[in-house]
Protein backbone atom coordinates (compact mmCIF):
# COMPACT_ATOMS: atom_id res chain seq x y z
CA MET A 1 14.67 59.67 -3.19
CA ALA A 2 17.39 57.17 -3.17
CA ILE A 3 19.15 56.65 -6.39
CA THR A 4 19.16 53.25 -7.58
CA LEU A 5 20.55 51.12 -10.78
CA GLY A 6 17.48 48.10 -10.57
CA THR A 7 14.64 50.05 -11.21
CA ASN A 8 14.23 53.94 -12.85
CA VAL A 9 10.90 54.66 -11.05
CA PRO A 10 10.84 58.25 -12.44
CA ALA A 11 11.08 56.98 -16.38
CA PHE A 12 8.62 54.29 -15.55
CA ILE A 13 6.13 56.64 -14.47
CA ALA A 14 6.48 59.15 -17.16
CA ARG A 15 6.40 56.52 -20.00
CA MET A 16 3.08 55.52 -18.46
CA ASN A 17 1.78 58.79 -18.09
CA LEU A 18 3.09 60.03 -22.21
CA ASN A 19 1.42 56.02 -23.13
CA SER A 20 -1.96 57.40 -21.73
CA VAL A 21 -1.61 61.06 -22.79
CA THR A 22 -0.12 59.98 -26.65
CA SER A 23 -3.81 57.78 -26.53
CA SER A 24 -6.35 60.52 -25.37
CA LEU A 25 -4.27 62.02 -27.99
CA THR A 26 -5.00 60.23 -30.39
CA THR A 27 -8.81 59.61 -30.03
CA THR A 28 -8.56 63.72 -29.85
CA MET A 29 -7.74 63.80 -33.72
CA GLU A 30 -9.57 60.94 -35.10
CA ARG A 31 -12.50 62.00 -33.20
CA LEU A 32 -11.47 65.13 -35.18
CA SER A 33 -10.84 64.19 -38.85
CA SER A 34 -13.85 62.18 -38.88
CA GLY A 35 -16.09 64.77 -36.79
CA LEU A 36 -17.92 61.71 -34.97
CA LYS A 37 -17.69 60.78 -31.09
CA ILE A 38 -17.54 57.09 -31.29
CA ASN A 39 -15.25 55.56 -34.10
CA LYS A 40 -15.17 52.46 -32.74
CA ALA A 41 -17.05 50.42 -29.97
CA GLY A 42 -14.64 50.69 -27.39
CA ASP A 43 -15.13 54.90 -27.22
CA ASP A 44 -18.32 54.19 -25.84
CA ALA A 45 -19.99 50.42 -25.58
CA ALA A 46 -23.33 51.55 -24.70
CA GLY A 47 -23.70 55.18 -26.62
CA LEU A 48 -22.99 52.46 -30.20
CA VAL A 49 -25.94 50.22 -29.23
CA ILE A 50 -28.33 53.06 -28.68
CA SER A 51 -27.27 55.09 -31.78
CA GLU A 52 -26.88 52.23 -34.08
CA ASN A 53 -30.94 51.43 -32.84
CA MET A 54 -31.48 55.55 -33.66
CA LYS A 55 -29.94 54.74 -37.25
CA ALA A 56 -31.64 52.03 -38.20
CA PHE A 57 -34.59 53.50 -37.02
CA ILE A 58 -33.70 56.53 -38.83
CA SER A 59 -32.82 54.73 -42.06
CA SER A 60 -36.49 52.16 -41.91
CA SER A 61 -38.68 55.45 -41.33
CA LYS A 62 -36.85 57.35 -44.45
CA GLN A 63 -37.62 53.66 -46.84
CA ALA A 64 -41.42 54.14 -44.88
CA MET A 65 -41.43 57.79 -46.32
CA ASN A 66 -40.63 56.72 -50.08
CA ASN A 67 -42.82 53.39 -50.02
CA ILE A 68 -45.97 56.63 -49.16
CA GLN A 69 -44.66 58.81 -51.97
CA THR A 70 -44.50 55.63 -53.77
CA ALA A 71 -48.35 54.26 -52.81
CA GLU A 72 -49.14 57.76 -53.57
CA SER A 73 -48.59 57.47 -56.38
CA TYR A 74 -49.94 54.33 -57.42
CA LEU A 75 -53.44 55.92 -55.77
CA ASN A 76 -52.69 58.63 -57.80
CA ILE A 77 -52.81 56.57 -61.47
CA ALA A 78 -55.52 54.65 -59.80
CA GLU A 79 -57.50 57.85 -59.13
CA ASP A 80 -56.69 58.99 -62.63
CA GLY A 81 -58.23 56.04 -64.23
CA MET A 82 -61.57 56.09 -62.01
CA VAL A 83 -61.47 59.55 -63.12
CA SER A 84 -61.62 58.85 -66.80
CA ILE A 85 -63.92 56.11 -66.10
CA GLY A 86 -66.63 58.13 -64.50
CA ASP A 87 -65.96 60.77 -67.37
CA HIS A 88 -67.55 57.59 -69.59
CA PHE A 89 -70.32 56.91 -67.27
CA GLN A 90 -71.39 60.90 -66.99
CA ARG A 91 -71.63 60.88 -70.70
CA ILE A 92 -73.56 57.76 -70.95
CA ASN A 93 -75.73 59.38 -68.17
CA ASP A 94 -76.23 62.77 -70.07
CA LEU A 95 -77.26 60.37 -73.07
CA LEU A 96 -79.24 58.08 -72.07
CA THR A 97 -81.08 61.38 -69.63
CA ASN A 98 -81.98 62.29 -73.39
CA MET A 99 -82.88 58.97 -75.11
CA ALA A 100 -85.60 58.32 -72.60
CA ASN A 101 -87.21 62.02 -73.35
CA ASP A 102 -89.86 61.07 -75.80
CA THR A 103 -89.29 64.06 -78.51
CA ASN A 104 -86.39 62.00 -79.75
CA ASP A 105 -86.34 59.45 -82.79
CA ILE A 106 -85.35 55.77 -83.54
CA ASN A 107 -82.22 57.40 -85.83
CA SER A 108 -81.34 59.92 -82.96
CA ARG A 109 -81.96 56.98 -79.65
CA THR A 110 -79.82 54.91 -82.14
CA ALA A 111 -76.84 57.14 -82.83
CA ALA A 112 -77.15 57.85 -79.11
CA VAL A 113 -76.12 53.97 -78.46
CA ARG A 114 -73.39 53.57 -81.03
CA GLU A 115 -71.78 56.30 -78.89
CA ILE A 116 -73.03 54.29 -75.53
CA ILE A 117 -70.90 51.13 -77.35
CA GLU A 118 -67.84 52.54 -78.00
CA ARG A 119 -67.43 54.55 -74.29
CA LEU A 120 -68.24 51.09 -73.43
CA ASP A 121 -65.02 49.94 -74.43
CA GLU A 122 -63.42 52.62 -73.32
CA ILE A 123 -64.45 51.44 -70.01
CA ASN A 124 -62.75 48.26 -70.31
CA ARG A 125 -59.59 49.07 -72.17
CA LEU A 126 -59.04 51.27 -69.53
CA ALA A 127 -60.00 49.07 -66.82
CA GLU A 128 -57.67 46.25 -68.56
CA THR A 129 -54.32 49.39 -69.12
CA THR A 130 -54.74 51.21 -65.79
CA ASN A 131 -51.42 50.62 -64.38
CA PHE A 132 -48.27 50.94 -62.24
CA ASN A 133 -45.28 49.58 -62.97
CA GLY A 134 -46.77 47.42 -65.00
CA ARG A 135 -49.76 45.52 -62.19
CA THR A 136 -52.84 46.97 -63.16
CA MET A 137 -54.98 48.38 -60.67
CA LEU A 138 -58.66 48.48 -61.90
CA ASP A 139 -58.89 45.00 -63.07
CA GLY A 140 -60.06 43.25 -60.55
CA SER A 141 -56.86 41.32 -59.47
CA ALA A 142 -57.31 43.89 -56.82
CA GLU A 143 -59.89 43.23 -55.28
CA ASN A 144 -58.57 38.86 -54.29
CA ALA A 145 -55.25 40.18 -52.93
CA GLN A 146 -53.86 42.43 -50.02
CA ILE A 147 -51.65 45.19 -51.06
CA ILE A 148 -50.22 46.25 -48.67
CA VAL A 149 -48.21 49.78 -48.12
CA GLN A 150 -44.92 49.65 -45.14
CA MET A 151 -45.56 53.31 -44.43
CA GLY A 152 -43.95 52.63 -40.52
CA PRO A 153 -40.30 51.63 -39.64
CA ASP A 154 -41.44 48.31 -37.90
CA GLU A 155 -42.81 45.16 -38.37
CA THR A 156 -46.41 46.24 -36.49
CA GLU A 157 -50.18 46.52 -37.91
CA LEU A 158 -49.86 50.12 -37.01
CA SER A 159 -46.84 50.48 -39.70
CA ILE A 160 -48.92 49.04 -42.67
CA LEU A 161 -51.73 50.24 -44.81
CA ASP A 162 -53.81 47.81 -47.00
CA ILE A 163 -54.90 49.93 -50.17
CA SER A 164 -57.21 47.23 -51.59
CA PRO A 165 -60.39 47.83 -51.16
CA ALA A 166 -60.24 51.03 -53.05
CA LEU A 167 -59.16 49.47 -56.39
CA THR A 168 -62.49 48.39 -57.60
CA ASP A 169 -63.00 46.66 -60.39
CA CYS A 170 -64.02 48.84 -63.33
CA HIS A 171 -64.84 46.14 -65.92
CA VAL A 172 -68.57 47.13 -67.60
CA SER A 173 -69.58 43.90 -66.55
CA ALA A 174 -68.13 43.98 -62.87
CA LEU A 175 -70.51 47.57 -62.60
CA GLY A 176 -73.58 45.65 -63.45
CA THR A 177 -73.48 48.15 -66.98
CA LEU A 178 -73.02 45.84 -69.62
CA LEU A 179 -75.44 47.38 -72.43
CA PRO A 180 -79.11 45.38 -71.97
CA ASP A 181 -80.27 43.76 -75.71
CA ASN A 182 -83.10 45.20 -75.88
CA LEU A 183 -80.34 48.72 -75.89
CA ASN A 184 -77.86 46.83 -78.45
CA PRO A 185 -78.48 48.01 -82.05
CA ASP A 186 -77.33 44.68 -83.57
CA ASN A 187 -79.82 42.42 -81.71
CA PRO A 188 -83.14 41.35 -82.90
CA ALA A 189 -84.55 42.51 -78.80
CA PHE A 190 -83.96 46.22 -79.78
CA GLU A 191 -86.37 48.61 -78.72
CA PRO A 192 -84.55 52.15 -77.92
CA SER A 193 -88.14 52.45 -75.58
CA ASN A 194 -87.69 55.59 -72.81
CA GLU A 195 -88.81 52.87 -70.54
CA ASN A 196 -85.33 50.31 -71.75
CA CYS A 197 -83.98 53.99 -71.36
CA ARG A 198 -84.51 54.66 -67.80
CA ALA A 199 -83.74 51.38 -66.62
CA TYR A 200 -80.56 51.45 -67.72
CA LEU A 201 -80.30 55.31 -66.85
CA ALA A 202 -80.70 53.87 -62.86
CA GLN A 203 -77.75 51.42 -63.81
CA VAL A 204 -75.65 53.38 -64.85
CA GLN A 205 -75.81 56.34 -62.21
CA ASP A 206 -75.39 53.06 -59.71
CA ALA A 207 -71.60 52.57 -61.37
CA ILE A 208 -71.04 56.47 -61.14
CA ALA A 209 -71.78 56.44 -57.38
CA GLU A 210 -69.75 53.33 -56.38
CA LEU A 211 -66.92 55.12 -58.52
CA ALA A 212 -67.29 58.18 -56.33
CA THR A 213 -67.32 55.97 -53.10
CA ARG A 214 -64.06 54.39 -54.21
CA ARG A 215 -62.59 57.62 -55.20
CA GLY A 216 -63.36 58.68 -51.41
CA LEU A 217 -61.79 55.60 -49.66
CA LEU A 218 -58.40 56.73 -52.46
CA GLY A 219 -58.71 60.06 -50.83
CA ALA A 220 -59.11 58.97 -47.14
CA TYR A 221 -56.31 56.56 -48.00
CA GLU A 222 -54.19 59.24 -49.57
CA ASN A 223 -54.59 61.68 -46.17
CA ARG A 224 -53.80 59.16 -43.91
CA MET A 225 -50.40 57.85 -45.81
CA GLU A 226 -49.71 62.00 -45.46
CA SER A 227 -50.16 62.11 -41.98
CA SER A 228 -47.77 58.96 -41.45
CA TYR A 229 -45.55 61.06 -43.85
CA ASP A 230 -45.08 64.20 -41.60
CA SER A 231 -45.71 61.72 -38.41
CA LEU A 232 -42.04 60.25 -40.05
CA SER A 233 -40.43 63.37 -40.87
CA THR A 234 -41.05 65.04 -36.85
CA ARG A 235 -40.23 61.68 -35.85
CA ILE A 236 -36.79 61.49 -37.50
CA GLU A 237 -35.90 65.50 -37.46
CA SER A 238 -35.64 64.32 -33.31
CA LEU A 239 -34.00 61.07 -33.46
CA GLU A 240 -31.00 62.73 -35.79
CA THR A 241 -30.68 65.91 -32.67
CA ALA A 242 -30.94 62.53 -30.30
CA LYS A 243 -28.37 60.66 -32.24
CA SER A 244 -25.96 63.01 -32.56
CA ILE A 245 -25.65 64.32 -28.99
CA TYR A 246 -24.26 60.34 -29.16
CA THR A 247 -21.98 60.11 -32.68
CA ASP A 248 -21.15 63.66 -32.86
CA ALA A 249 -17.86 64.64 -32.00
CA ASP A 250 -17.97 67.98 -30.25
CA ILE A 251 -14.57 70.17 -32.27
CA ALA A 252 -14.61 72.83 -30.04
CA GLU A 253 -14.19 70.84 -26.71
CA GLU A 254 -11.99 68.26 -29.29
CA ALA A 255 -9.72 70.97 -30.31
CA THR A 256 -9.13 72.04 -26.65
CA ASN A 257 -8.34 68.84 -25.54
CA LEU A 258 -6.04 68.33 -28.67
CA THR A 259 -3.71 71.78 -27.59
CA SER A 260 -3.68 70.34 -23.89
CA GLN A 261 -3.14 66.41 -24.81
CA GLN A 262 -0.05 68.05 -27.32
CA ILE A 263 1.25 70.33 -24.20
CA MET A 264 1.16 67.66 -21.76
CA GLN A 265 2.91 64.69 -24.44
CA GLN A 266 5.80 67.29 -24.77
CA ILE A 267 6.49 67.70 -21.04
CA ASN A 268 6.21 63.91 -20.38
CA VAL A 269 8.85 63.46 -23.00
CA SER A 270 11.29 66.02 -21.67
CA ILE A 271 9.96 64.51 -18.38
CA LEU A 272 11.00 60.44 -19.80
CA SER A 273 14.96 61.95 -21.31
CA VAL A 274 15.24 63.97 -17.51
CA ALA A 275 14.20 61.00 -15.26
CA ASN A 276 16.49 58.46 -18.07
CA SER A 277 19.43 60.36 -17.67
CA MET A 278 19.21 60.11 -13.78
CA GLN A 279 20.76 56.95 -13.74
CA GLN A 280 24.03 58.46 -15.16
CA THR A 281 24.35 60.25 -11.98
CA ALA A 282 25.20 56.70 -10.12
CA LEU A 283 28.06 56.92 -12.89
CA SER A 284 29.09 60.20 -11.74
CA LEU A 285 29.39 58.49 -8.21
CA LEU A 286 31.67 56.11 -9.16
CA GLY A 287 33.72 57.89 -10.56
CA GLY A 288 32.81 57.47 -13.84
C-alpha cells in the first residue's frame, strides 16, 4: 500500500471497526445490567411490538383473575345471606308443620306465630343489609341491573359474566311469604286453624325451593369463574415463557459477547494507534 499524507485509510478502517465494536459492547453491557434483551425499540422493533402486546395481555389477564376472586367473595357473601334466610324459613317450616297438628291448642299456636313474625322481620333485615362494599345484593336491586364480572382479558362476550340472575329479592313479600291475616294474632281475622297453617306452609316451602334454586345458580357461576381463573393462570404462565424469549437477555451469551467485544475493542485501539503512526513514516522519508 502506498504511503500517503491525504487520507489515512488504515486509520479510517480501524476507527470504523472500533466504533462498531464499542456500540456492540455498549449494547451488551446494557443487556447485562438490565437483564433485558430489548432496552429500546432499536434493539428489536418487531420483538418489541410482540412482547408489548403479550405484556398487555398478561397484565389484563392478571387483573381479570383479581376480578374473579373479588366476584367469588361477592357471591360467597350473597350465599351466606341466603343460607341465613333459608335457616329462618326452615324453622318457620317446622313451626307451621307443628301448628298444623290438631294436638296444639290456641296458645301454643299463637306462641309459634309470634316466633314466625320475628323470623320474618329478621329475613327482611337480612335482605336489606346483606352487602359487599356497600352494594346490597338481596334487596331486589340486582334484579333490575346487570352485575358484570370482567373475567377475561378482552372486550368479547366470552370474557364477561352477568351474575345478577342468581341474586333474588329475599324480602318476605318478594318470596310470597307475607304472614296471612288469618294467622296474625293482631288481626281480627286471626284463626290458627290447621288448614290455614298448611296453606301458609306451602308458600314457605316454595320460598325454600326458590332460595335453593338461586344458591344452585350461585354455585354454577362460582364453578365457571374458577374454571376461567385456572385457564387464565395456565395461559399467563405460557405467555410469560413466550415473552421472555423476546425480552430476557441470555446472560451466559452476553457475558461471552462481553469478553469477545472487550478484546476486539482493545485490538482496534492498538490498530488505530499503529495506523495513526504510519503517516510519521512519510516524514522520515523527507528527512523529518
